[in-house]
PDB file of N, CA and C in Angstrom:
ATOM      1  N   MET A   1     189.591 106.683 -59.556  1.00  0.00           N
ATOM      2  CA  MET A   1     188.409 106.413 -60.364  1.00  0.00           C
ATOM      3  C   MET A   1     187.164 106.790 -59.555  1.00  0.00           C
ATOM      4  N   ALA A   2     186.194 107.353 -60.249  1.00  0.00           N
ATOM      5  CA  ALA A   2     184.973 107.799 -59.583  1.00  0.00           C
ATOM      6  C   ALA A   2     184.083 106.613 -59.244  1.00  0.00           C
ATOM      7  N   ASP A   3     183.499 106.668 -58.049  1.00  0.00           N
ATOM      8  CA  ASP A   3     182.581 105.622 -57.634  1.00  0.00           C
ATOM      9  C   ASP A   3     181.167 105.882 -58.145  1.00  0.00           C
ATOM     10  N   LYS A   4     180.771 107.147 -58.170  1.00  0.00           N
ATOM     11  CA  LYS A   4     179.450 107.552 -58.654  1.00  0.00           C
ATOM     12  C   LYS A   4     179.618 108.847 -59.433  1.00  0.00           C
ATOM     13  N   THR A   5     178.837 109.008 -60.502  1.00  0.00           N
ATOM     14  CA  THR A   5     178.965 110.182 -61.358  1.00  0.00           C
ATOM     15  C   THR A   5     177.584 110.717 -61.723  1.00  0.00           C
ATOM     16  N   VAL A   6     177.479 112.043 -61.756  1.00  0.00           N
ATOM     17  CA  VAL A   6     176.263 112.710 -62.210  1.00  0.00           C
ATOM     18  C   VAL A   6     176.662 113.694 -63.303  1.00  0.00           C
ATOM     19  N   ALA A   7     175.908 113.703 -64.392  1.00  0.00           N
ATOM     20  CA  ALA A   7     176.114 114.678 -65.465  1.00  0.00           C
ATOM     21  C   ALA A   7     174.922 115.628 -65.485  1.00  0.00           C
ATOM     22  N   TYR A   8     175.178 116.889 -65.776  1.00  0.00           N
ATOM     23  CA  TYR A   8     174.109 117.880 -65.858  1.00  0.00           C
ATOM     24  C   TYR A   8     174.281 118.656 -67.149  1.00  0.00           C
ATOM     25  N   ASN A   9     173.284 118.587 -68.011  1.00  0.00           N
ATOM     26  CA  ASN A   9     173.300 119.371 -69.243  1.00  0.00           C
ATOM     27  C   ASN A   9     171.871 119.745 -69.635  1.00  0.00           C
ATOM     28  N   THR A  10     171.303 120.634 -68.831  1.00  0.00           N
ATOM     29  CA  THR A  10     169.955 121.150 -69.045  1.00  0.00           C
ATOM     30  C   THR A  10     170.052 122.650 -69.246  1.00  0.00           C
ATOM     31  N   ASP A  11     169.304 123.183 -70.209  1.00  0.00           N
ATOM     32  CA  ASP A  11     169.350 124.620 -70.507  1.00  0.00           C
ATOM     33  C   ASP A  11     169.206 125.476 -69.261  1.00  0.00           C
ATOM     34  N   VAL A  12     170.010 126.540 -69.199  1.00  0.00           N
ATOM     35  CA  VAL A  12     169.871 127.567 -68.177  1.00  0.00           C
ATOM     36  C   VAL A  12     169.406 128.826 -68.903  1.00  0.00           C
ATOM     37  N   ALA A  13     168.239 129.318 -68.527  1.00  0.00           N
ATOM     38  CA  ALA A  13     167.658 130.476 -69.189  1.00  0.00           C
ATOM     39  C   ALA A  13     168.508 131.725 -68.964  1.00  0.00           C
ATOM     40  N   ALA A  14     168.311 132.710 -69.808  1.00  0.00           N
ATOM     41  CA  ALA A  14     169.032 133.982 -69.693  1.00  0.00           C
ATOM     42  C   ALA A  14     168.829 134.575 -68.308  1.00  0.00           C
ATOM     43  N   SER A  15     169.917 134.960 -67.674  1.00  0.00           N
ATOM     44  CA  SER A  15     169.925 135.606 -66.354  1.00  0.00           C
ATOM     45  C   SER A  15     169.250 134.774 -65.263  1.00  0.00           C
ATOM     46  N   ALA A  16     169.191 133.476 -65.445  1.00  0.00           N
ATOM     47  CA  ALA A  16     168.506 132.597 -64.484  1.00  0.00           C
ATOM     48  C   ALA A  16     169.503 131.943 -63.535  1.00  0.00           C
ATOM     49  N   THR A  17     168.948 131.398 -62.444  1.00  0.00           N
ATOM     50  CA  THR A  17     169.720 130.646 -61.463  1.00  0.00           C
ATOM     51  C   THR A  17     169.087 129.270 -61.298  1.00  0.00           C
ATOM     52  N   VAL A  18     169.926 128.239 -61.288  1.00  0.00           N
ATOM     53  CA  VAL A  18     169.483 126.887 -60.963  1.00  0.00           C
ATOM     54  C   VAL A  18     170.004 126.644 -59.546  1.00  0.00           C
ATOM     55  N   ASP A  19     169.088 126.528 -58.580  1.00  0.00           N
ATOM     56  CA  ASP A  19     169.478 126.485 -57.174  1.00  0.00           C
ATOM     57  C   ASP A  19     170.303 125.269 -56.785  1.00  0.00           C
ATOM     58  N   ASN A  20     170.036 124.117 -57.397  1.00  0.00           N
ATOM     59  CA  ASN A  20     170.830 122.928 -57.063  1.00  0.00           C
ATOM     60  C   ASN A  20     170.741 121.915 -58.195  1.00  0.00           C
ATOM     61  N   ILE A  21     171.818 121.803 -58.956  1.00  0.00           N
ATOM     62  CA  ILE A  21     171.806 120.867 -60.079  1.00  0.00           C
ATOM     63  C   ILE A  21     171.858 119.415 -59.611  1.00  0.00           C
ATOM     64  N   LEU A  22     172.149 119.188 -58.330  1.00  0.00           N
ATOM     65  CA  LEU A  22     172.185 117.824 -57.798  1.00  0.00           C
ATOM     66  C   LEU A  22     170.846 117.359 -57.241  1.00  0.00           C
ATOM     67  N   GLN A  23     169.888 118.254 -57.153  1.00  0.00           N
ATOM     68  CA  GLN A  23     168.588 117.897 -56.577  1.00  0.00           C
ATOM     69  C   GLN A  23     167.999 116.691 -57.300  1.00  0.00           C
ATOM     70  N   GLY A  24     167.615 115.682 -56.519  1.00  0.00           N
ATOM     71  CA  GLY A  24     166.992 114.486 -57.086  1.00  0.00           C
ATOM     72  C   GLY A  24     167.970 113.468 -57.653  1.00  0.00           C
ATOM     73  N   THR A  25     169.287 113.691 -57.472  1.00  0.00           N
ATOM     74  CA  THR A  25     170.279 112.739 -57.984  1.00  0.00           C
ATOM     75  C   THR A  25     170.887 111.931 -56.843  1.00  0.00           C
ATOM     76  N   ILE A  26     171.674 110.940 -57.191  1.00  0.00           N
ATOM     77  CA  ILE A  26     172.338 110.109 -56.191  1.00  0.00           C
ATOM     78  C   ILE A  26     173.397 110.871 -55.403  1.00  0.00           C
ATOM     79  N   LEU A  27     173.788 112.047 -55.875  1.00  0.00           N
ATOM     80  CA  LEU A  27     174.824 112.817 -55.192  1.00  0.00           C
ATOM     81  C   LEU A  27     174.283 114.046 -54.453  1.00  0.00           C
ATOM     82  N   ALA A  28     172.968 114.178 -54.340  1.00  0.00           N
ATOM     83  CA  ALA A  28     172.396 115.309 -53.592  1.00  0.00           C
ATOM     84  C   ALA A  28     172.799 115.243 -52.127  1.00  0.00           C
ATOM     85  N   THR A  29     172.928 114.027 -51.617  1.00  0.00           N
ATOM     86  CA  THR A  29     173.435 113.774 -50.266  1.00  0.00           C
ATOM     87  C   THR A  29     174.652 112.879 -50.432  1.00  0.00           C
ATOM     88  N   ALA A  30     175.758 113.232 -49.784  1.00  0.00           N
ATOM     89  CA  ALA A  30     176.993 112.465 -49.935  1.00  0.00           C
ATOM     90  C   ALA A  30     176.749 110.995 -49.565  1.00  0.00           C
ATOM     91  N   PRO A  31     177.047 110.070 -50.480  1.00  0.00           N
ATOM     92  CA  PRO A  31     176.781 108.655 -50.228  1.00  0.00           C
ATOM     93  C   PRO A  31     177.808 107.987 -49.306  1.00  0.00           C
ATOM     94  N   GLY A  32     178.848 108.727 -48.959  1.00  0.00           N
ATOM     95  CA  GLY A  32     179.880 108.167 -48.098  1.00  0.00           C
ATOM     96  C   GLY A  32     180.909 109.239 -47.780  1.00  0.00           C
ATOM     97  N   PHE A  33     182.019 108.830 -47.200  1.00  0.00           N
ATOM     98  CA  PHE A  33     183.122 109.738 -46.922  1.00  0.00           C
ATOM     99  C   PHE A  33     183.987 109.829 -48.173  1.00  0.00           C
ATOM    100  N   GLY A  34     184.340 111.046 -48.589  1.00  0.00           N
ATOM    101  CA  GLY A  34     185.166 111.171 -49.777  1.00  0.00           C
ATOM    102  C   GLY A  34     185.231 112.578 -50.323  1.00  0.00           C
ATOM    103  N   GLN A  35     185.359 112.650 -51.644  1.00  0.00           N
ATOM    104  CA  GLN A  35     185.474 113.924 -52.342  1.00  0.00           C
ATOM    105  C   GLN A  35     184.558 113.960 -53.549  1.00  0.00           C
ATOM    106  N   TYR A  36     184.043 115.146 -53.825  1.00  0.00           N
ATOM    107  CA  TYR A  36     183.362 115.404 -55.089  1.00  0.00           C
ATOM    108  C   TYR A  36     184.364 116.150 -55.963  1.00  0.00           C
ATOM    109  N   HIS A  37     184.536 115.679 -57.193  1.00  0.00           N
ATOM    110  CA  HIS A  37     185.371 116.357 -58.183  1.00  0.00           C
ATOM    111  C   HIS A  37     184.409 116.912 -59.233  1.00  0.00           C
ATOM    112  N   ILE A  38     184.509 118.201 -59.499  1.00  0.00           N
ATOM    113  CA  ILE A  38     183.548 118.867 -60.380  1.00  0.00           C
ATOM    114  C   ILE A  38     184.282 119.429 -61.595  1.00  0.00           C
ATOM    115  N   TYR A  39     183.781 119.067 -62.772  1.00  0.00           N
ATOM    116  CA  TYR A  39     184.338 119.508 -64.050  1.00  0.00           C
ATOM    117  C   TYR A  39     183.229 120.197 -64.829  1.00  0.00           C
ATOM    118  N   GLY A  40     183.580 121.199 -65.648  1.00  0.00           N
ATOM    119  CA  GLY A  40     182.517 121.846 -66.403  1.00  0.00           C
ATOM    120  C   GLY A  40     182.990 122.637 -67.599  1.00  0.00           C
ATOM    121  N   ARG A  41     182.133 122.652 -68.590  1.00  0.00           N
ATOM    122  CA  ARG A  41     182.231 123.482 -69.787  1.00  0.00           C
ATOM    123  C   ARG A  41     180.812 123.844 -70.180  1.00  0.00           C
ATOM    124  N   GLN A  42     180.713 124.735 -71.123  1.00  0.00           N
ATOM    125  CA  GLN A  42     179.404 125.036 -71.700  1.00  0.00           C
ATOM    126  C   GLN A  42     179.271 124.229 -72.983  1.00  0.00           C
ATOM    127  N   GLU A  43     178.115 123.644 -73.176  1.00  0.00           N
ATOM    128  CA  GLU A  43     177.871 122.859 -74.396  1.00  0.00           C
ATOM    129  C   GLU A  43     177.852 123.788 -75.613  1.00  0.00           C
ATOM    130  N   THR A  44     177.374 124.990 -75.386  1.00  0.00           N
ATOM    131  CA  THR A  44     177.379 126.016 -76.425  1.00  0.00           C
ATOM    132  C   THR A  44     178.287 127.136 -75.956  1.00  0.00           C
ATOM    133  N   GLY A  45     178.944 127.792 -76.867  1.00  0.00           N
ATOM    134  CA  GLY A  45     179.912 128.826 -76.513  1.00  0.00           C
ATOM    135  C   GLY A  45     179.303 130.189 -76.264  1.00  0.00           C
ATOM    136  N   VAL A  46     178.019 130.260 -75.971  1.00  0.00           N
ATOM    137  CA  VAL A  46     177.385 131.550 -75.693  1.00  0.00           C
ATOM    138  C   VAL A  46     176.967 131.608 -74.232  1.00  0.00           C
ATOM    139  N   GLY A  47     176.779 132.809 -73.726  1.00  0.00           N
ATOM    140  CA  GLY A  47     176.371 132.971 -72.337  1.00  0.00           C
ATOM    141  C   GLY A  47     177.562 132.873 -71.401  1.00  0.00           C
ATOM    142  N   THR A  48     177.323 133.208 -70.151  1.00  0.00           N
ATOM    143  CA  THR A  48     178.360 133.137 -69.125  1.00  0.00           C
ATOM    144  C   THR A  48     177.762 132.460 -67.909  1.00  0.00           C
ATOM    145  N   LEU A  49     178.377 131.359 -67.497  1.00  0.00           N
ATOM    146  CA  LEU A  49     177.897 130.616 -66.335  1.00  0.00           C
ATOM    147  C   LEU A  49     178.922 130.671 -65.215  1.00  0.00           C
ATOM    148  N   ILE A  50     178.412 130.828 -63.991  1.00  0.00           N
ATOM    149  CA  ILE A  50     179.252 130.715 -62.811  1.00  0.00           C
ATOM    150  C   ILE A  50     178.599 129.721 -61.860  1.00  0.00           C
ATOM    151  N   MET A  51     179.421 129.126 -60.995  1.00  0.00           N
ATOM    152  CA  MET A  51     178.954 128.074 -60.105  1.00  0.00           C
ATOM    153  C   MET A  51     179.349 128.388 -58.669  1.00  0.00           C
ATOM    154  N   SER A  52     178.460 128.030 -57.741  1.00  0.00           N
ATOM    155  CA  SER A  52     178.765 128.103 -56.312  1.00  0.00           C
ATOM    156  C   SER A  52     178.497 126.731 -55.707  1.00  0.00           C
ATOM    157  N   ILE A  53     179.312 126.352 -54.705  1.00  0.00           N
ATOM    158  CA  ILE A  53     179.226 125.025 -54.092  1.00  0.00           C
ATOM    159  C   ILE A  53     179.100 125.179 -52.585  1.00  0.00           C
ATOM    160  N   ASN A  54     178.139 124.463 -52.009  1.00  0.00           N
ATOM    161  CA  ASN A  54     177.890 124.499 -50.576  1.00  0.00           C
ATOM    162  C   ASN A  54     177.809 123.056 -50.086  1.00  0.00           C
ATOM    163  N   VAL A  55     178.598 122.734 -49.045  1.00  0.00           N
ATOM    164  CA  VAL A  55     178.588 121.391 -48.465  1.00  0.00           C
ATOM    165  C   VAL A  55     178.246 121.518 -46.984  1.00  0.00           C
ATOM    166  N   ALA A  56     177.163 120.871 -46.583  1.00  0.00           N
ATOM    167  CA  ALA A  56     176.737 120.852 -45.176  1.00  0.00           C
ATOM    168  C   ALA A  56     176.653 122.258 -44.595  1.00  0.00           C
ATOM    169  N   GLY A  57     176.113 123.186 -45.389  1.00  0.00           N
ATOM    170  CA  GLY A  57     175.924 124.551 -44.911  1.00  0.00           C
ATOM    171  C   GLY A  57     177.149 125.438 -45.000  1.00  0.00           C
ATOM    172  N   GLU A  58     178.266 124.915 -45.501  1.00  0.00           N
ATOM    173  CA  GLU A  58     179.496 125.696 -45.618  1.00  0.00           C
ATOM    174  C   GLU A  58     179.776 126.014 -47.083  1.00  0.00           C
ATOM    175  N   LEU A  59     179.986 127.304 -47.377  1.00  0.00           N
ATOM    176  CA  LEU A  59     180.308 127.721 -48.740  1.00  0.00           C
ATOM    177  C   LEU A  59     181.721 127.267 -49.074  1.00  0.00           C
ATOM    178  N   CYS A  60     181.861 126.434 -50.103  1.00  0.00           N
ATOM    179  CA  CYS A  60     183.164 125.866 -50.472  1.00  0.00           C
ATOM    180  C   CYS A  60     183.725 126.461 -51.752  1.00  0.00           C
ATOM    181  N   GLY A  61     182.909 127.136 -52.510  1.00  0.00           N
ATOM    182  CA  GLY A  61     183.342 127.778 -53.747  1.00  0.00           C
ATOM    183  C   GLY A  61     182.260 128.732 -54.196  1.00  0.00           C
ATOM    184  N   GLU A  62     182.646 129.956 -54.563  1.00  0.00           N
ATOM    185  CA  GLU A  62     181.648 130.954 -54.943  1.00  0.00           C
ATOM    186  C   GLU A  62     182.043 131.616 -56.255  1.00  0.00           C
ATOM    187  N   ASP A  63     181.065 131.730 -57.136  1.00  0.00           N
ATOM    188  CA  ASP A  63     181.244 132.398 -58.425  1.00  0.00           C
ATOM    189  C   ASP A  63     182.427 131.844 -59.223  1.00  0.00           C
ATOM    190  N   LEU A  64     182.511 130.517 -59.289  1.00  0.00           N
ATOM    191  CA  LEU A  64     183.552 129.862 -60.069  1.00  0.00           C
ATOM    192  C   LEU A  64     183.169 129.937 -61.545  1.00  0.00           C
ATOM    193  N   PRO A  65     184.011 130.517 -62.408  1.00  0.00           N
ATOM    194  CA  PRO A  65     183.657 130.624 -63.828  1.00  0.00           C
ATOM    195  C   PRO A  65     183.762 129.278 -64.530  1.00  0.00           C
ATOM    196  N   ILE A  66     182.815 129.026 -65.420  1.00  0.00           N
ATOM    197  CA  ILE A  66     182.798 127.791 -66.200  1.00  0.00           C
ATOM    198  C   ILE A  66     183.327 128.094 -67.587  1.00  0.00           C
ATOM    199  N   ASN A  67     184.241 127.276 -68.059  1.00  0.00           N
ATOM    200  CA  ASN A  67     184.874 127.440 -69.362  1.00  0.00           C
ATOM    201  C   ASN A  67     183.817 127.591 -70.455  1.00  0.00           C
ATOM    202  N   ALA A  68     183.956 128.644 -71.266  1.00  0.00           N
ATOM    203  CA  ALA A  68     182.978 128.911 -72.321  1.00  0.00           C
ATOM    204  C   ALA A  68     183.270 128.138 -73.605  1.00  0.00           C
ATOM    205  N   ALA A  69     184.379 127.389 -73.655  1.00  0.00           N
ATOM    206  CA  ALA A  69     184.670 126.583 -74.833  1.00  0.00           C
ATOM    207  C   ALA A  69     183.595 125.501 -74.965  1.00  0.00           C
ATOM    208  N   ALA A  70     183.030 125.387 -76.150  1.00  0.00           N
ATOM    209  CA  ALA A  70     181.943 124.433 -76.359  1.00  0.00           C
ATOM    210  C   ALA A  70     182.453 123.002 -76.270  1.00  0.00           C
ATOM    211  N   GLY A  71     181.596 122.122 -75.745  1.00  0.00           N
ATOM    212  CA  GLY A  71     181.914 120.700 -75.721  1.00  0.00           C
ATOM    213  C   GLY A  71     181.867 120.101 -74.342  1.00  0.00           C
ATOM    214  N   ALA A  72     182.269 118.846 -74.273  1.00  0.00           N
ATOM    215  CA  ALA A  72     182.281 118.108 -73.008  1.00  0.00           C
ATOM    216  C   ALA A  72     183.486 118.530 -72.175  1.00  0.00           C
ATOM    217  N   PRO A  73     183.366 118.448 -70.841  1.00  0.00           N
ATOM    218  CA  PRO A  73     184.505 118.790 -69.994  1.00  0.00           C
ATOM    219  C   PRO A  73     185.696 117.870 -70.252  1.00  0.00           C
ATOM    220  N   VAL A  74     186.873 118.466 -70.255  1.00  0.00           N
ATOM    221  CA  VAL A  74     188.120 117.727 -70.460  1.00  0.00           C
ATOM    222  C   VAL A  74     188.847 117.653 -69.122  1.00  0.00           C
ATOM    223  N   LYS A  75     189.233 116.436 -68.722  1.00  0.00           N
ATOM    224  CA  LYS A  75     189.984 116.260 -67.470  1.00  0.00           C
ATOM    225  C   LYS A  75     191.464 116.292 -67.796  1.00  0.00           C
ATOM    226  N   PRO A  76     192.266 116.981 -67.050  1.00  0.00           N
ATOM    227  CA  PRO A  76     191.968 117.803 -65.879  1.00  0.00           C
ATOM    228  C   PRO A  76     191.716 119.276 -66.202  1.00  0.00           C
ATOM    229  N   ASP A  77     191.753 119.653 -67.485  1.00  0.00           N
ATOM    230  CA  ASP A  77     191.697 121.069 -67.868  1.00  0.00           C
ATOM    231  C   ASP A  77     190.476 121.811 -67.338  1.00  0.00           C
ATOM    232  N   ASP A  78     189.321 121.178 -67.337  1.00  0.00           N
ATOM    233  CA  ASP A  78     188.076 121.853 -66.954  1.00  0.00           C
ATOM    234  C   ASP A  78     187.659 121.550 -65.519  1.00  0.00           C
ATOM    235  N   HIS A  79     188.632 121.262 -64.673  1.00  0.00           N
ATOM    236  CA  HIS A  79     188.372 121.010 -63.251  1.00  0.00           C
ATOM    237  C   HIS A  79     187.996 122.324 -62.577  1.00  0.00           C
ATOM    238  N   LEU A  80     186.825 122.354 -61.954  1.00  0.00           N
ATOM    239  CA  LEU A  80     186.354 123.558 -61.266  1.00  0.00           C
ATOM    240  C   LEU A  80     186.655 123.511 -59.779  1.00  0.00           C
ATOM    241  N   ALA A  81     186.471 122.356 -59.157  1.00  0.00           N
ATOM    242  CA  ALA A  81     186.677 122.256 -57.711  1.00  0.00           C
ATOM    243  C   ALA A  81     186.678 120.801 -57.281  1.00  0.00           C
ATOM    244  N   SER A  82     187.303 120.564 -56.128  1.00  0.00           N
ATOM    245  CA  SER A  82     187.189 119.303 -55.407  1.00  0.00           C
ATOM    246  C   SER A  82     186.822 119.667 -53.982  1.00  0.00           C
ATOM    247  N   VAL A  83     185.793 119.016 -53.457  1.00  0.00           N
ATOM    248  CA  VAL A  83     185.355 119.304 -52.082  1.00  0.00           C
ATOM    249  C   VAL A  83     185.253 118.007 -51.308  1.00  0.00           C
ATOM    250  N   LYS A  84     185.651 118.063 -50.053  1.00  0.00           N
ATOM    251  CA  LYS A  84     185.574 116.904 -49.171  1.00  0.00           C
ATOM    252  C   LYS A  84     184.164 116.808 -48.593  1.00  0.00           C
ATOM    253  N   VAL A  85     183.661 115.584 -48.446  1.00  0.00           N
ATOM    254  CA  VAL A  85     182.322 115.365 -47.904  1.00  0.00           C
ATOM    255  C   VAL A  85     182.345 114.218 -46.900  1.00  0.00           C
ATOM    256  N   ALA A  86     181.445 114.312 -45.940  1.00  0.00           N
ATOM    257  CA  ALA A  86     181.216 113.214 -45.006  1.00  0.00           C
ATOM    258  C   ALA A  86     179.875 112.582 -45.355  1.00  0.00           C
ATOM    259  N   GLN A  87     179.724 111.329 -45.039  1.00  0.00           N
ATOM    260  CA  GLN A  87     178.479 110.621 -45.360  1.00  0.00           C
ATOM    261  C   GLN A  87     177.289 111.394 -44.806  1.00  0.00           C
ATOM    262  N   GLY A  88     176.291 111.616 -45.666  1.00  0.00           N
ATOM    263  CA  GLY A  88     175.074 112.316 -45.269  1.00  0.00           C
ATOM    264  C   GLY A  88     175.102 113.815 -45.472  1.00  0.00           C
ATOM    265  N   ASP A  89     176.267 114.398 -45.797  1.00  0.00           N
ATOM    266  CA  ASP A  89     176.324 115.842 -46.065  1.00  0.00           C
ATOM    267  C   ASP A  89     175.403 116.189 -47.233  1.00  0.00           C
ATOM    268  N   ILE A  90     174.678 117.283 -47.093  1.00  0.00           N
ATOM    269  CA  ILE A  90     173.867 117.791 -48.199  1.00  0.00           C
ATOM    270  C   ILE A  90     174.765 118.689 -49.042  1.00  0.00           C
ATOM    271  N   VAL A  91     174.782 118.432 -50.351  1.00  0.00           N
ATOM    272  CA  VAL A  91     175.645 119.166 -51.272  1.00  0.00           C
ATOM    273  C   VAL A  91     174.773 119.959 -52.237  1.00  0.00           C
ATOM    274  N   LEU A  92     175.014 121.263 -52.296  1.00  0.00           N
ATOM    275  CA  LEU A  92     174.292 122.149 -53.205  1.00  0.00           C
ATOM    276  C   LEU A  92     175.270 122.705 -54.231  1.00  0.00           C
ATOM    277  N   VAL A  93     174.938 122.568 -55.501  1.00  0.00           N
ATOM    278  CA  VAL A  93     175.742 123.136 -56.573  1.00  0.00           C
ATOM    279  C   VAL A  93     174.820 124.051 -57.386  1.00  0.00           C
ATOM    280  N   LYS A  94     175.082 125.352 -57.279  1.00  0.00           N
ATOM    281  CA  LYS A  94     174.219 126.347 -57.911  1.00  0.00           C
ATOM    282  C   LYS A  94     174.886 126.900 -59.165  1.00  0.00           C
ATOM    283  N   LEU A  95     174.087 127.037 -60.231  1.00  0.00           N
ATOM    284  CA  LEU A  95     174.553 127.654 -61.471  1.00  0.00           C
ATOM    285  C   LEU A  95     173.818 128.973 -61.675  1.00  0.00           C
ATOM    286  N   ARG A  96     174.552 129.959 -62.205  1.00  0.00           N
ATOM    287  CA  ARG A  96     173.928 131.246 -62.497  1.00  0.00           C
ATOM    288  C   ARG A  96     174.428 131.736 -63.852  1.00  0.00           C
ATOM    289  N   GLU A  97     173.492 132.113 -64.718  1.00  0.00           N
ATOM    290  CA  GLU A  97     173.831 132.675 -66.029  1.00  0.00           C
ATOM    291  C   GLU A  97     173.880 134.194 -65.848  1.00  0.00           C
ATOM    292  N   THR A  98     174.994 134.819 -66.234  1.00  0.00           N
ATOM    293  CA  THR A  98     175.185 136.241 -65.934  1.00  0.00           C
ATOM    294  C   THR A  98     175.248 137.162 -67.147  1.00  0.00           C
ATOM    295  N   ALA A  99     175.193 136.627 -68.359  1.00  0.00           N
ATOM    296  CA  ALA A  99     175.342 137.470 -69.549  1.00  0.00           C
ATOM    297  C   ALA A  99     174.014 137.797 -70.229  1.00  0.00           C
ATOM    298  N   GLY A 100     172.912 137.278 -69.703  1.00  0.00           N
ATOM    299  CA  GLY A 100     171.617 137.552 -70.322  1.00  0.00           C
ATOM    300  C   GLY A 100     171.354 136.726 -71.570  1.00  0.00           C
ATOM    301  N   THR A 101     172.044 135.588 -71.701  1.00  0.00           N
ATOM    302  CA  THR A 101     171.879 134.712 -72.859  1.00  0.00           C
ATOM    303  C   THR A 101     171.693 133.275 -72.377  1.00  0.00           C
ATOM    304  N   ALA A 102     170.640 132.633 -72.820  1.00  0.00           N
ATOM    305  CA  ALA A 102     170.426 131.231 -72.440  1.00  0.00           C
ATOM    306  C   ALA A 102     171.608 130.400 -72.910  1.00  0.00           C
ATOM    307  N   THR A 103     171.986 129.428 -72.099  1.00  0.00           N
ATOM    308  CA  THR A 103     173.123 128.585 -72.464  1.00  0.00           C
ATOM    309  C   THR A 103     172.921 127.172 -71.923  1.00  0.00           C
ATOM    310  N   LEU A 104     173.723 126.270 -72.436  1.00  0.00           N
ATOM    311  CA  LEU A 104     173.616 124.860 -72.072  1.00  0.00           C
ATOM    312  C   LEU A 104     174.918 124.421 -71.400  1.00  0.00           C
ATOM    313  N   PRO A 105     174.892 124.182 -70.091  1.00  0.00           N
ATOM    314  CA  PRO A 105     176.110 123.730 -69.411  1.00  0.00           C
ATOM    315  C   PRO A 105     176.353 122.242 -69.642  1.00  0.00           C
ATOM    316  N   ASN A 106     177.585 121.852 -69.483  1.00  0.00           N
ATOM    317  CA  ASN A 106     177.946 120.447 -69.532  1.00  0.00           C
ATOM    318  C   ASN A 106     178.812 120.200 -68.293  1.00  0.00           C
ATOM    319  N   ILE A 107     178.174 119.759 -67.216  1.00  0.00           N
ATOM    320  CA  ILE A 107     178.824 119.604 -65.919  1.00  0.00           C
ATOM    321  C   ILE A 107     178.927 118.114 -65.593  1.00  0.00           C
ATOM    322  N   ARG A 108     180.045 117.722 -65.026  1.00  0.00           N
ATOM    323  CA  ARG A 108     180.250 116.346 -64.589  1.00  0.00           C
ATOM    324  C   ARG A 108     180.731 116.389 -63.142  1.00  0.00           C
ATOM    325  N   ILE A 109     180.030 115.664 -62.260  1.00  0.00           N
ATOM    326  CA  ILE A 109     180.391 115.614 -60.846  1.00  0.00           C
ATOM    327  C   ILE A 109     180.652 114.160 -60.484  1.00  0.00           C
ATOM    328  N   GLU A 110     181.837 113.904 -59.957  1.00  0.00           N
ATOM    329  CA  GLU A 110     182.251 112.545 -59.615  1.00  0.00           C
ATOM    330  C   GLU A 110     182.465 112.449 -58.109  1.00  0.00           C
ATOM    331  N   PHE A 111     182.011 111.355 -57.527  1.00  0.00           N
ATOM    332  CA  PHE A 111     182.250 111.075 -56.118  1.00  0.00           C
ATOM    333  C   PHE A 111     183.331 110.017 -56.012  1.00  0.00           C
ATOM    334  N   GLN A 112     184.374 110.317 -55.232  1.00  0.00           N
ATOM    335  CA  GLN A 112     185.449 109.370 -54.979  1.00  0.00           C
ATOM    336  C   GLN A 112     185.417 109.021 -53.496  1.00  0.00           C
ATOM    337  N   GLU A 113     185.161 107.775 -53.191  1.00  0.00           N
ATOM    338  CA  GLU A 113     185.024 107.353 -51.795  1.00  0.00           C
ATOM    339  C   GLU A 113     186.377 107.259 -51.104  1.00  0.00           C
ATOM    340  N   MET A 114     186.377 107.610 -49.814  1.00  0.00           N
ATOM    341  CA  MET A 114     187.558 107.503 -48.960  1.00  0.00           C
ATOM    342  C   MET A 114     187.116 106.865 -47.650  1.00  0.00           C
ATOM    343  N   SER A 115     188.034 106.224 -46.977  1.00  0.00           N
ATOM    344  CA  SER A 115     187.713 105.717 -45.642  1.00  0.00           C
ATOM    345  C   SER A 115     187.641 106.918 -44.695  1.00  0.00           C
ATOM    346  N   PRO A 116     186.950 106.803 -43.565  1.00  0.00           N
ATOM    347  CA  PRO A 116     186.918 107.917 -42.603  1.00  0.00           C
ATOM    348  C   PRO A 116     188.322 108.362 -42.186  1.00  0.00           C
ATOM    349  N   ALA A 117     189.251 107.431 -42.041  1.00  0.00           N
ATOM    350  CA  ALA A 117     190.625 107.787 -41.667  1.00  0.00           C
ATOM    351  C   ALA A 117     191.294 108.599 -42.775  1.00  0.00           C
ATOM    352  N   GLN A 118     191.107 108.196 -44.048  1.00  0.00           N
ATOM    353  CA  GLN A 118     191.671 108.954 -45.168  1.00  0.00           C
ATOM    354  C   GLN A 118     191.079 110.356 -45.220  1.00  0.00           C
ATOM    355  N   LEU A 119     189.773 110.461 -44.972  1.00  0.00           N
ATOM    356  CA  LEU A 119     189.118 111.764 -45.010  1.00  0.00           C
ATOM    357  C   LEU A 119     189.661 112.664 -43.899  1.00  0.00           C
ATOM    358  N   ARG A 120     189.823 112.126 -42.688  1.00  0.00           N
ATOM    359  CA  ARG A 120     190.388 112.923 -41.587  1.00  0.00           C
ATOM    360  C   ARG A 120     191.775 113.441 -41.940  1.00  0.00           C
ATOM    361  N   MET A 121     192.607 112.593 -42.552  1.00  0.00           N
ATOM    362  CA  MET A 121     193.951 113.009 -42.956  1.00  0.00           C
ATOM    363  C   MET A 121     193.881 114.095 -44.026  1.00  0.00           C
ATOM    364  N   ALA A 122     192.961 113.936 -44.987  1.00  0.00           N
ATOM    365  CA  ALA A 122     192.811 114.934 -46.044  1.00  0.00           C
ATOM    366  C   ALA A 122     192.332 116.257 -45.469  1.00  0.00           C
ATOM    367  N   LEU A 123     191.387 116.216 -44.537  1.00  0.00           N
ATOM    368  CA  LEU A 123     190.887 117.447 -43.932  1.00  0.00           C
ATOM    369  C   LEU A 123     191.956 118.126 -43.080  1.00  0.00           C
ATOM    370  N   ALA A 124     192.804 117.357 -42.442  1.00  0.00           N
ATOM    371  CA  ALA A 124     193.884 117.936 -41.629  1.00  0.00           C
ATOM    372  C   ALA A 124     194.894 118.677 -42.508  1.00  0.00           C
ATOM    373  N   GLY A 125     194.998 118.271 -43.766  1.00  0.00           N
ATOM    374  CA  GLY A 125     195.949 118.891 -44.686  1.00  0.00           C
ATOM    375  C   GLY A 125     195.409 120.084 -45.443  1.00  0.00           C
ATOM    376  N   ARG A 126     194.228 120.568 -45.108  1.00  0.00           N
ATOM    377  CA  ARG A 126     193.634 121.708 -45.826  1.00  0.00           C
ATOM    378  C   ARG A 126     194.511 122.915 -45.796  1.00  0.00           C
TER     379      ARG A 126
END
């Protein structure tokens, strides 16, 4: 179960980039040791969105396609990525519209807390 959740559903203009959808939210900086689970769909079935994820200066996912099926993200079908975080890590999630058509994303990011020992074990298993 997620400890903290952020939803993002703000228009992305045609051919535009949103540098960090987490800016100003409770998940812009990792609140503890754990994982971010990211799910996404487009609210409207037009346009093409891709996502990139950066944690503590490390690129963790690049140009991940977001499901163009309209509606809210469905778990686990619309899972885009899970990334491990340490307390205080800065997390950047960038969206880019690539088809030249404004679109409305429906992104859900969940933080699942882990103890430092659990996180070390998870990182060792990468």
